[in-house]
């Protein structure tokens, strides 16, 4: 679990789950089973219960009092603002648009990492980021939405704000992952998040007609809660503990590839030479940035 190989595997699984989540969550929201803010509250509250149950059976470290404020701020950016903007943005834009816009995260993280964490930004890493961004840009251009209810500009803006918030979150928890095991502090992130989200999502959650849920909708809601929330928020800090924050960020380039492939499998898109080229660029960018920098002799 402490190896670099596991960290990279964990990052890939996070991006795989997130890539599928764009289409799965959008179906639940756009078919009016659960409105965006209500879905966020349900997602975070249920995940909080899972994290608390996990903490009850696994030995925990004691968190220093001065770190609780850091956890609170990290929760604001990584749970509250991040998820509210993401789900509301996803209501108005397409999965491919949303996943492609999220590729702005590595650019923001590279800048923040250089100034705040003093991480090395090599030419190879910059080139990898440019390659990945180029591929994501191609997918964005071809990721049009045919849904009548979509508002692409508004949705894309909200997803962009979500990406900025997520980038800040990654930087904020970087030092915490060095100090604490994720099982120790992650439940506090969600406890703070649940309380902060109640004013936003309580009314929408009350409107949910649970008896109308089909088996697929039940599966979709469970996927979002267990996979895209509980699972990813555990795996991300584990990876962040062994890899540079900028490396963790650049793996987000996989999301538009996975989201696009899933859309094709579901019959919502088609493949062509341009999209294949975009995927090659993205994978190349991820490979270059994930390479461990050579130590000076």
C-alpha atoms as a PDB file:
ATOM      1  CA  UNK A   1       0.000   0.000   0.000  1.00  0.00           C
ATOM      2  CA  UNK A   2       2.974   2.334   0.518  1.00  0.00           C
ATOM      3  CA  UNK A   3       4.539   1.755  -2.873  1.00  0.00           C
ATOM      4  CA  UNK A   4       4.600   4.201  -5.766  1.00  0.00           C
ATOM      5  CA  UNK A   5       2.996   1.548  -7.970  1.00  0.00           C
ATOM      6  CA  UNK A   6      -0.002   1.272  -5.647  1.00  0.00           C
ATOM      7  CA  UNK A   7      -0.281   5.057  -5.500  1.00  0.00           C
ATOM      8  CA  UNK A   8      -0.483   5.241  -9.301  1.00  0.00           C
ATOM      9  CA  UNK A   9      -3.004   2.367  -9.344  1.00  0.00           C
ATOM     10  CA  UNK A  10      -5.101   4.206  -6.746  1.00  0.00           C
ATOM     11  CA  UNK A  11      -5.011   7.360  -8.876  1.00  0.00           C
ATOM     12  CA  UNK A  12      -6.142   5.419 -11.940  1.00  0.00           C
ATOM     13  CA  UNK A  13      -9.071   3.908 -10.020  1.00  0.00           C
ATOM     14  CA  UNK A  14     -10.096   7.364  -8.811  1.00  0.00           C
ATOM     15  CA  UNK A  15     -10.157   8.682 -12.373  1.00  0.00           C
ATOM     16  CA  UNK A  16     -11.996   5.581 -13.635  1.00  0.00           C
ATOM     17  CA  UNK A  17     -14.740   6.049 -11.057  1.00  0.00           C
ATOM     18  CA  UNK A  18     -14.965   9.785 -11.685  1.00  0.00           C
ATOM     19  CA  UNK A  19     -15.037   9.207 -15.442  1.00  0.00           C
ATOM     20  CA  UNK A  20     -18.070   6.924 -15.111  1.00  0.00           C
ATOM     21  CA  UNK A  21     -19.641   9.234 -12.546  1.00  0.00           C
ATOM     22  CA  UNK A  22     -20.268  12.051 -15.051  1.00  0.00           C
ATOM     23  CA  UNK A  23     -22.828  10.047 -17.011  1.00  0.00           C
ATOM     24  CA  UNK A  24     -24.249   8.086 -14.070  1.00  0.00           C
ATOM     25  CA  UNK A  25     -24.852  11.127 -11.836  1.00  0.00           C
ATOM     26  CA  UNK A  26     -26.236  13.226 -14.699  1.00  0.00           C
ATOM     27  CA  UNK A  27     -28.967  10.651 -15.372  1.00  0.00           C
ATOM     28  CA  UNK A  28     -30.158  10.827 -11.757  1.00  0.00           C
ATOM     29  CA  UNK A  29     -30.144  14.646 -11.773  1.00  0.00           C
ATOM     30  CA  UNK A  30     -31.592  15.315 -15.235  1.00  0.00           C
ATOM     31  CA  UNK A  31     -34.364  12.729 -14.855  1.00  0.00           C
ATOM     32  CA  UNK A  32     -35.410  14.655 -11.717  1.00  0.00           C
ATOM     33  CA  UNK A  33     -35.008  11.794  -9.276  1.00  0.00           C
ATOM     34  CA  UNK A  34     -32.874  13.992  -7.010  1.00  0.00           C
ATOM     35  CA  UNK A  35     -32.053  17.678  -7.546  1.00  0.00           C
ATOM     36  CA  UNK A  36     -28.334  18.644  -7.504  1.00  0.00           C
ATOM     37  CA  UNK A  37     -27.986  20.145  -4.021  1.00  0.00           C
ATOM     38  CA  UNK A  38     -30.146  17.451  -2.451  1.00  0.00           C
ATOM     39  CA  UNK A  39     -28.003  14.808  -4.139  1.00  0.00           C
ATOM     40  CA  UNK A  40     -24.854  16.434  -2.745  1.00  0.00           C
ATOM     41  CA  UNK A  41     -26.242  16.393   0.812  1.00  0.00           C
ATOM     42  CA  UNK A  42     -27.336  12.759   0.460  1.00  0.00           C
ATOM     43  CA  UNK A  43     -23.961  11.828  -0.997  1.00  0.00           C
ATOM     44  CA  UNK A  44     -21.926  13.495   1.739  1.00  0.00           C
ATOM     45  CA  UNK A  45     -24.155  12.469   4.668  1.00  0.00           C
ATOM     46  CA  UNK A  46     -24.122   8.793   3.652  1.00  0.00           C
ATOM     47  CA  UNK A  47     -20.382   8.850   2.996  1.00  0.00           C
ATOM     48  CA  UNK A  48     -19.879  10.448   6.421  1.00  0.00           C
ATOM     49  CA  UNK A  49     -21.706   7.526   8.020  1.00  0.00           C
ATOM     50  CA  UNK A  50     -19.420   5.090   6.159  1.00  0.00           C
ATOM     51  CA  UNK A  51     -16.273   6.978   7.215  1.00  0.00           C
ATOM     52  CA  UNK A  52     -17.412   7.062  10.856  1.00  0.00           C
ATOM     53  CA  UNK A  53     -18.141   3.321  10.761  1.00  0.00           C
ATOM     54  CA  UNK A  54     -14.695   2.696   9.292  1.00  0.00           C
ATOM     55  CA  UNK A  55     -13.008   4.824  11.951  1.00  0.00           C
ATOM     56  CA  UNK A  56     -14.732   2.789  14.674  1.00  0.00           C
ATOM     57  CA  UNK A  57     -12.960  -0.417  13.631  1.00  0.00           C
ATOM     58  CA  UNK A  58      -9.566   0.981  12.596  1.00  0.00           C
ATOM     59  CA  UNK A  59      -7.029   2.481  15.049  1.00  0.00           C
ATOM     60  CA  UNK A  60      -6.932   6.273  14.729  1.00  0.00           C
ATOM     61  CA  UNK A  61      -4.297   8.914  15.317  1.00  0.00           C
ATOM     62  CA  UNK A  62      -5.146  11.890  17.497  1.00  0.00           C
ATOM     63  CA  UNK A  63      -5.576  15.093  15.507  1.00  0.00           C
ATOM     64  CA  UNK A  64      -3.899  18.179  16.956  1.00  0.00           C
ATOM     65  CA  UNK A  65      -6.291  21.018  17.819  1.00  0.00           C
ATOM     66  CA  UNK A  66      -4.534  23.467  15.507  1.00  0.00           C
ATOM     67  CA  UNK A  67      -5.188  21.163  12.536  1.00  0.00           C
ATOM     68  CA  UNK A  68      -8.968  21.178  12.923  1.00  0.00           C
ATOM     69  CA  UNK A  69      -9.193  24.615  11.322  1.00  0.00           C
ATOM     70  CA  UNK A  70      -7.139  23.323   8.368  1.00  0.00           C
ATOM     71  CA  UNK A  71      -9.558  20.402   8.072  1.00  0.00           C
ATOM     72  CA  UNK A  72     -12.506  22.791   8.165  1.00  0.00           C
ATOM     73  CA  UNK A  73     -11.072  24.934   5.352  1.00  0.00           C
ATOM     74  CA  UNK A  74     -10.190  21.809   3.336  1.00  0.00           C
ATOM     75  CA  UNK A  75     -13.782  20.623   3.779  1.00  0.00           C
ATOM     76  CA  UNK A  76     -15.142  23.934   2.478  1.00  0.00           C
ATOM     77  CA  UNK A  77     -13.145  23.633  -0.757  1.00  0.00           C
ATOM     78  CA  UNK A  78     -12.966  19.846  -1.168  1.00  0.00           C
ATOM     79  CA  UNK A  79     -16.466  18.823  -0.088  1.00  0.00           C
ATOM     80  CA  UNK A  80     -18.868  21.777  -0.031  1.00  0.00           C
ATOM     81  CA  UNK A  81     -17.923  24.198  -2.834  1.00  0.00           C
ATOM     82  CA  UNK A  82     -16.417  21.443  -4.975  1.00  0.00           C
ATOM     83  CA  UNK A  83     -19.491  19.195  -4.940  1.00  0.00           C
ATOM     84  CA  UNK A  84     -22.166  21.903  -5.104  1.00  0.00           C
ATOM     85  CA  UNK A  85     -20.624  23.470  -8.202  1.00  0.00           C
ATOM     86  CA  UNK A  86     -19.912  20.086  -9.792  1.00  0.00           C
ATOM     87  CA  UNK A  87     -23.451  18.704  -9.485  1.00  0.00           C
ATOM     88  CA  UNK A  88     -25.113  21.989 -10.460  1.00  0.00           C
ATOM     89  CA  UNK A  89     -22.749  22.344 -13.411  1.00  0.00           C
ATOM     90  CA  UNK A  90     -23.361  18.748 -14.467  1.00  0.00           C
ATOM     91  CA  UNK A  91     -27.075  19.510 -14.586  1.00  0.00           C
ATOM     92  CA  UNK A  92     -26.467  21.995 -17.417  1.00  0.00           C
ATOM     93  CA  UNK A  93     -23.496  20.613 -19.363  1.00  0.00           C
ATOM     94  CA  UNK A  94     -22.521  17.305 -20.975  1.00  0.00           C
ATOM     95  CA  UNK A  95     -20.315  14.645 -19.341  1.00  0.00           C
ATOM     96  CA  UNK A  96     -17.558  15.088 -21.944  1.00  0.00           C
ATOM     97  CA  UNK A  97     -17.556  18.868 -21.562  1.00  0.00           C
ATOM     98  CA  UNK A  98     -17.422  18.582 -17.777  1.00  0.00           C
ATOM     99  CA  UNK A  99     -14.649  15.984 -17.728  1.00  0.00           C
ATOM    100  CA  UNK A 100     -12.573  17.956 -20.226  1.00  0.00           C
ATOM    101  CA  UNK A 101     -12.892  21.204 -18.277  1.00  0.00           C
ATOM    102  CA  UNK A 102     -11.625  19.402 -15.167  1.00  0.00           C
ATOM    103  CA  UNK A 103      -8.260  19.118 -16.900  1.00  0.00           C
ATOM    104  CA  UNK A 104      -7.588  22.698 -15.806  1.00  0.00           C
ATOM    105  CA  UNK A 105      -6.848  21.206 -12.372  1.00  0.00           C
ATOM    106  CA  UNK A 106      -3.219  20.181 -13.113  1.00  0.00           C
ATOM    107  CA  UNK A 107      -2.451  23.666 -14.424  1.00  0.00           C
ATOM    108  CA  UNK A 108      -3.728  25.252 -11.215  1.00  0.00           C
ATOM    109  CA  UNK A 109      -2.020  22.640  -9.027  1.00  0.00           C
ATOM    110  CA  UNK A 110       1.305  23.079 -10.819  1.00  0.00           C
ATOM    111  CA  UNK A 111       1.181  26.809 -10.068  1.00  0.00           C
ATOM    112  CA  UNK A 112       0.085  26.368  -6.451  1.00  0.00           C
ATOM    113  CA  UNK A 113       2.581  23.545  -5.863  1.00  0.00           C
ATOM    114  CA  UNK A 114       5.471  25.651  -7.103  1.00  0.00           C
ATOM    115  CA  UNK A 115       4.638  28.635  -4.886  1.00  0.00           C
ATOM    116  CA  UNK A 116       3.137  26.977  -1.795  1.00  0.00           C
ATOM    117  CA  UNK A 117       4.671  23.495  -1.599  1.00  0.00           C
ATOM    118  CA  UNK A 118       7.921  24.470  -3.342  1.00  0.00           C
ATOM    119  CA  UNK A 119       7.655  21.446  -5.650  1.00  0.00           C
ATOM    120  CA  UNK A 120       9.991  21.136  -8.603  1.00  0.00           C
ATOM    121  CA  UNK A 121       8.373  21.953 -11.937  1.00  0.00           C
ATOM    122  CA  UNK A 122      10.558  20.402 -14.637  1.00  0.00           C
ATOM    123  CA  UNK A 123      10.346  20.999 -18.370  1.00  0.00           C
ATOM    124  CA  UNK A 124       9.237  17.389 -18.853  1.00  0.00           C
ATOM    125  CA  UNK A 125       6.321  17.861 -16.439  1.00  0.00           C
ATOM    126  CA  UNK A 126       5.310  21.114 -18.139  1.00  0.00           C
ATOM    127  CA  UNK A 127       5.434  19.415 -21.554  1.00  0.00           C
ATOM    128  CA  UNK A 128       3.338  16.527 -20.217  1.00  0.00           C
ATOM    129  CA  UNK A 129       0.747  18.964 -18.878  1.00  0.00           C
ATOM    130  CA  UNK A 130       0.601  20.721 -22.256  1.00  0.00           C
ATOM    131  CA  UNK A 131       0.136  17.410 -24.082  1.00  0.00           C
ATOM    132  CA  UNK A 132      -2.661  16.359 -21.764  1.00  0.00           C
ATOM    133  CA  UNK A 133      -4.374  19.723 -21.991  1.00  0.00           C
ATOM    134  CA  UNK A 134      -4.158  19.622 -25.783  1.00  0.00           C
ATOM    135  CA  UNK A 135      -5.877  16.251 -25.891  1.00  0.00           C
ATOM    136  CA  UNK A 136      -8.561  17.399 -23.470  1.00  0.00           C
ATOM    137  CA  UNK A 137      -9.135  20.498 -25.596  1.00  0.00           C
ATOM    138  CA  UNK A 138      -9.812  18.334 -28.649  1.00  0.00           C
ATOM    139  CA  UNK A 139     -12.368  16.333 -26.663  1.00  0.00           C
ATOM    140  CA  UNK A 140     -13.994  19.542 -25.480  1.00  0.00           C
ATOM    141  CA  UNK A 141     -14.480  20.768 -29.031  1.00  0.00           C
ATOM    142  CA  UNK A 142     -16.183  17.521 -30.045  1.00  0.00           C
ATOM    143  CA  UNK A 143     -18.104  17.101 -26.790  1.00  0.00           C
ATOM    144  CA  UNK A 144     -21.294  18.864 -27.795  1.00  0.00           C
ATOM    145  CA  UNK A 145     -24.580  18.224 -26.039  1.00  0.00           C
ATOM    146  CA  UNK A 146     -27.848  17.496 -27.843  1.00  0.00           C
ATOM    147  CA  UNK A 147     -29.955  17.681 -24.696  1.00  0.00           C
ATOM    148  CA  UNK A 148     -32.545  20.470 -24.889  1.00  0.00           C
ATOM    149  CA  UNK A 149     -32.323  21.401 -21.200  1.00  0.00           C
ATOM    150  CA  UNK A 150     -28.554  21.920 -21.164  1.00  0.00           C
ATOM    151  CA  UNK A 151     -26.994  25.369 -20.760  1.00  0.00           C
ATOM    152  CA  UNK A 152     -23.416  24.691 -21.824  1.00  0.00           C
ATOM    153  CA  UNK A 153     -21.843  28.098 -20.949  1.00  0.00           C
ATOM    154  CA  UNK A 154     -23.356  28.166 -17.436  1.00  0.00           C
ATOM    155  CA  UNK A 155     -22.609  24.510 -16.811  1.00  0.00           C
ATOM    156  CA  UNK A 156     -19.031  24.870 -18.005  1.00  0.00           C
ATOM    157  CA  UNK A 157     -18.486  27.917 -15.782  1.00  0.00           C
ATOM    158  CA  UNK A 158     -19.706  26.036 -12.710  1.00  0.00           C
ATOM    159  CA  UNK A 159     -17.497  23.042 -13.549  1.00  0.00           C
ATOM    160  CA  UNK A 160     -14.533  25.408 -13.941  1.00  0.00           C
ATOM    161  CA  UNK A 161     -15.193  26.885 -10.483  1.00  0.00           C
ATOM    162  CA  UNK A 162     -15.426  23.324  -9.188  1.00  0.00           C
ATOM    163  CA  UNK A 163     -12.015  22.588 -10.727  1.00  0.00           C
ATOM    164  CA  UNK A 164     -10.471  25.615  -9.009  1.00  0.00           C
ATOM    165  CA  UNK A 165     -11.959  24.579  -5.671  1.00  0.00           C
ATOM    166  CA  UNK A 166     -10.754  20.985  -6.092  1.00  0.00           C
ATOM    167  CA  UNK A 167      -7.234  22.208  -6.896  1.00  0.00           C
ATOM    168  CA  UNK A 168      -7.105  24.245  -3.699  1.00  0.00           C
ATOM    169  CA  UNK A 169      -8.334  21.194  -1.761  1.00  0.00           C
ATOM    170  CA  UNK A 170      -5.531  19.007  -3.150  1.00  0.00           C
ATOM    171  CA  UNK A 171      -2.945  21.556  -2.035  1.00  0.00           C
ATOM    172  CA  UNK A 172      -4.520  21.982   1.408  1.00  0.00           C
ATOM    173  CA  UNK A 173      -4.530  18.276   2.261  1.00  0.00           C
ATOM    174  CA  UNK A 174      -1.048  17.583   0.868  1.00  0.00           C
ATOM    175  CA  UNK A 175       0.684  18.379   4.154  1.00  0.00           C
ATOM    176  CA  UNK A 176      -2.063  16.703   6.195  1.00  0.00           C
ATOM    177  CA  UNK A 177      -1.470  13.421   4.351  1.00  0.00           C
ATOM    178  CA  UNK A 178       2.155  13.554   5.460  1.00  0.00           C
ATOM    179  CA  UNK A 179       1.102  14.029   9.067  1.00  0.00           C
ATOM    180  CA  UNK A 180      -1.966  11.797   9.350  1.00  0.00           C
ATOM    181  CA  UNK A 181      -3.276   8.624   7.771  1.00  0.00           C
ATOM    182  CA  UNK A 182      -6.314   9.321   5.546  1.00  0.00           C
ATOM    183  CA  UNK A 183      -8.496   7.126   7.765  1.00  0.00           C
ATOM    184  CA  UNK A 184      -7.781   9.586  10.585  1.00  0.00           C
ATOM    185  CA  UNK A 185      -8.778  12.907   9.064  1.00  0.00           C
ATOM    186  CA  UNK A 186     -11.133  12.073   6.189  1.00  0.00           C
ATOM    187  CA  UNK A 187     -14.168  11.568   8.455  1.00  0.00           C
ATOM    188  CA  UNK A 188     -13.693  15.085   9.855  1.00  0.00           C
ATOM    189  CA  UNK A 189     -13.713  16.548   6.351  1.00  0.00           C
ATOM    190  CA  UNK A 190     -17.103  14.964   5.755  1.00  0.00           C
ATOM    191  CA  UNK A 191     -18.526  15.736   9.189  1.00  0.00           C
ATOM    192  CA  UNK A 192     -17.786  19.424   8.610  1.00  0.00           C
ATOM    193  CA  UNK A 193     -19.120  19.104   5.059  1.00  0.00           C
ATOM    194  CA  UNK A 194     -22.408  17.513   6.108  1.00  0.00           C
ATOM    195  CA  UNK A 195     -23.169  20.306   8.576  1.00  0.00           C
ATOM    196  CA  UNK A 196     -22.288  23.027   6.049  1.00  0.00           C
ATOM    197  CA  UNK A 197     -24.369  21.421   3.290  1.00  0.00           C
ATOM    198  CA  UNK A 198     -27.621  21.093   5.247  1.00  0.00           C
ATOM    199  CA  UNK A 199     -28.849  24.639   4.430  1.00  0.00           C
ATOM    200  CA  UNK A 200     -28.201  24.047   0.723  1.00  0.00           C
ATOM    201  CA  UNK A 201     -29.607  20.559   0.214  1.00  0.00           C
ATOM    202  CA  UNK A 202     -32.174  19.848   2.930  1.00  0.00           C
ATOM    203  CA  UNK A 203     -35.191  21.228   1.057  1.00  0.00           C
ATOM    204  CA  UNK A 204     -34.332  19.445  -2.204  1.00  0.00           C
ATOM    205  CA  UNK A 205     -33.771  16.176  -0.336  1.00  0.00           C
ATOM    206  CA  UNK A 206     -37.248  16.450   1.175  1.00  0.00           C
ATOM    207  CA  UNK A 207     -38.733  16.554  -2.341  1.00  0.00           C
ATOM    208  CA  UNK A 208     -37.296  13.161  -3.358  1.00  0.00           C
ATOM    209  CA  UNK A 209     -39.936  10.530  -4.215  1.00  0.00           C
ATOM    210  CA  UNK A 210     -38.024   7.407  -3.213  1.00  0.00           C
ATOM    211  CA  UNK A 211     -40.752   5.027  -4.389  1.00  0.00           C
ATOM    212  CA  UNK A 212     -40.168   6.084  -8.024  1.00  0.00           C
ATOM    213  CA  UNK A 213     -36.564   4.830  -8.074  1.00  0.00           C
ATOM    214  CA  UNK A 214     -35.855   2.131 -10.648  1.00  0.00           C
ATOM    215  CA  UNK A 215     -33.155  -0.533 -10.054  1.00  0.00           C
ATOM    216  CA  UNK A 216     -30.751   1.421 -12.296  1.00  0.00           C
ATOM    217  CA  UNK A 217     -31.352   4.664 -10.373  1.00  0.00           C
ATOM    218  CA  UNK A 218     -30.768   2.841  -7.075  1.00  0.00           C
ATOM    219  CA  UNK A 219     -27.511   1.464  -8.479  1.00  0.00           C
ATOM    220  CA  UNK A 220     -26.539   4.934  -9.740  1.00  0.00           C
ATOM    221  CA  UNK A 221     -27.124   6.582  -6.355  1.00  0.00           C
ATOM    222  CA  UNK A 222     -25.134   3.846  -4.583  1.00  0.00           C
ATOM    223  CA  UNK A 223     -22.332   4.194  -7.137  1.00  0.00           C
ATOM    224  CA  UNK A 224     -22.094   7.929  -6.467  1.00  0.00           C
ATOM    225  CA  UNK A 225     -22.103   7.445  -2.676  1.00  0.00           C
ATOM    226  CA  UNK A 226     -19.890   4.370  -2.299  1.00  0.00           C
ATOM    227  CA  UNK A 227     -17.670   4.675  -5.360  1.00  0.00           C
ATOM    228  CA  UNK A 228     -17.420   8.329  -6.355  1.00  0.00           C
ATOM    229  CA  UNK A 229     -17.427   9.608  -2.772  1.00  0.00           C
ATOM    230  CA  UNK A 230     -16.378   7.051  -0.137  1.00  0.00           C
ATOM    231  CA  UNK A 231     -13.924   5.213  -2.388  1.00  0.00           C
ATOM    232  CA  UNK A 232     -12.309   8.160  -4.164  1.00  0.00           C
ATOM    233  CA  UNK A 233     -11.867  10.284  -1.038  1.00  0.00           C
ATOM    234  CA  UNK A 234      -9.999   7.384   0.577  1.00  0.00           C
ATOM    235  CA  UNK A 235      -7.818   6.548  -2.433  1.00  0.00           C
ATOM    236  CA  UNK A 236      -6.846  10.130  -3.320  1.00  0.00           C
ATOM    237  CA  UNK A 237      -5.065  10.909  -0.012  1.00  0.00           C
ATOM    238  CA  UNK A 238      -3.326   7.515  -0.104  1.00  0.00           C
ATOM    239  CA  UNK A 239      -1.912   8.431  -3.506  1.00  0.00           C
ATOM    240  CA  UNK A 240      -1.164  12.005  -2.477  1.00  0.00           C
ATOM    241  CA  UNK A 241       0.956  10.693   0.408  1.00  0.00           C
ATOM    242  CA  UNK A 242       3.410   9.074  -2.042  1.00  0.00           C
ATOM    243  CA  UNK A 243       3.217  11.309  -5.109  1.00  0.00           C
ATOM    244  CA  UNK A 244       3.612  14.995  -5.847  1.00  0.00           C
ATOM    245  CA  UNK A 245       0.406  17.043  -5.756  1.00  0.00           C
ATOM    246  CA  UNK A 246       0.992  18.032  -9.378  1.00  0.00           C
ATOM    247  CA  UNK A 247       1.289  14.343 -10.369  1.00  0.00           C
ATOM    248  CA  UNK A 248      -2.014  13.580  -8.651  1.00  0.00           C
ATOM    249  CA  UNK A 249      -3.585  16.504 -10.488  1.00  0.00           C
ATOM    250  CA  UNK A 250      -2.394  15.535 -13.939  1.00  0.00           C
ATOM    251  CA  UNK A 251      -4.070  12.116 -13.692  1.00  0.00           C
ATOM    252  CA  UNK A 252      -7.321  13.993 -14.101  1.00  0.00           C
ATOM    253  CA  UNK A 253      -6.503  14.012 -17.838  1.00  0.00           C
ATOM    254  CA  UNK A 254      -7.792  10.444 -17.864  1.00  0.00           C
ATOM    255  CA  UNK A 255     -11.301  11.585 -17.004  1.00  0.00           C
ATOM    256  CA  UNK A 256     -12.350  12.863 -20.460  1.00  0.00           C
ATOM    257  CA  UNK A 257     -11.007   9.678 -22.039  1.00  0.00           C
ATOM    258  CA  UNK A 258     -12.945   7.440 -19.660  1.00  0.00           C
ATOM    259  CA  UNK A 259     -16.043   9.653 -19.780  1.00  0.00           C
ATOM    260  CA  UNK A 260     -15.920   9.663 -23.583  1.00  0.00           C
ATOM    261  CA  UNK A 261     -15.472   5.901 -23.874  1.00  0.00           C
ATOM    262  CA  UNK A 262     -18.322   5.290 -21.437  1.00  0.00           C
ATOM    263  CA  UNK A 263     -20.567   7.639 -23.421  1.00  0.00           C
ATOM    264  CA  UNK A 264     -19.734   5.656 -26.576  1.00  0.00           C
ATOM    265  CA  UNK A 265     -20.514   2.348 -24.865  1.00  0.00           C
ATOM    266  CA  UNK A 266     -23.843   3.787 -23.697  1.00  0.00           C
ATOM    267  CA  UNK A 267     -24.594   4.866 -27.277  1.00  0.00           C
ATOM    268  CA  UNK A 268     -24.276   8.581 -26.506  1.00  0.00           C
ATOM    269  CA  UNK A 269     -21.224   9.228 -28.724  1.00  0.00           C
ATOM    270  CA  UNK A 270     -19.110   7.791 -31.538  1.00  0.00           C
ATOM    271  CA  UNK A 271     -15.361   7.271 -32.050  1.00  0.00           C
ATOM    272  CA  UNK A 272     -13.261   8.792 -34.829  1.00  0.00           C
ATOM    273  CA  UNK A 273      -9.621   9.510 -35.652  1.00  0.00           C
ATOM    274  CA  UNK A 274      -9.672  12.932 -33.927  1.00  0.00           C
ATOM    275  CA  UNK A 275     -10.868  11.461 -30.647  1.00  0.00           C
ATOM    276  CA  UNK A 276      -8.301   8.661 -30.851  1.00  0.00           C
ATOM    277  CA  UNK A 277      -5.589  11.291 -31.320  1.00  0.00           C
ATOM    278  CA  UNK A 278      -6.896  13.204 -28.319  1.00  0.00           C
ATOM    279  CA  UNK A 279      -6.746  10.084 -26.152  1.00  0.00           C
ATOM    280  CA  UNK A 280      -3.152   9.396 -27.243  1.00  0.00           C
ATOM    281  CA  UNK A 281      -2.186  12.946 -26.279  1.00  0.00           C
ATOM    282  CA  UNK A 282      -3.830  12.627 -22.868  1.00  0.00           C
ATOM    283  CA  UNK A 283      -2.244   9.287 -22.036  1.00  0.00           C
ATOM    284  CA  UNK A 284       1.144  10.612 -23.179  1.00  0.00           C
ATOM    285  CA  UNK A 285       0.769  13.624 -20.901  1.00  0.00           C
ATOM    286  CA  UNK A 286      -0.150  11.453 -17.919  1.00  0.00           C
ATOM    287  CA  UNK A 287       2.865   9.203 -18.577  1.00  0.00           C
ATOM    288  CA  UNK A 288       5.349  12.087 -18.726  1.00  0.00           C
ATOM    289  CA  UNK A 289       4.111  13.794 -15.580  1.00  0.00           C
ATOM    290  CA  UNK A 290       3.916  10.542 -13.596  1.00  0.00           C
ATOM    291  CA  UNK A 291       7.590   9.746 -14.243  1.00  0.00           C
ATOM    292  CA  UNK A 292       9.639  10.105 -11.095  1.00  0.00           C
ATOM    293  CA  UNK A 293      12.176  12.930 -11.518  1.00  0.00           C
ATOM    294  CA  UNK A 294      15.782  11.763 -11.723  1.00  0.00           C
ATOM    295  CA  UNK A 295      17.922  12.630  -8.719  1.00  0.00           C
ATOM    296  CA  UNK A 296      20.968  14.752  -9.367  1.00  0.00           C
ATOM    297  CA  UNK A 297      24.260  12.861  -9.092  1.00  0.00           C
END
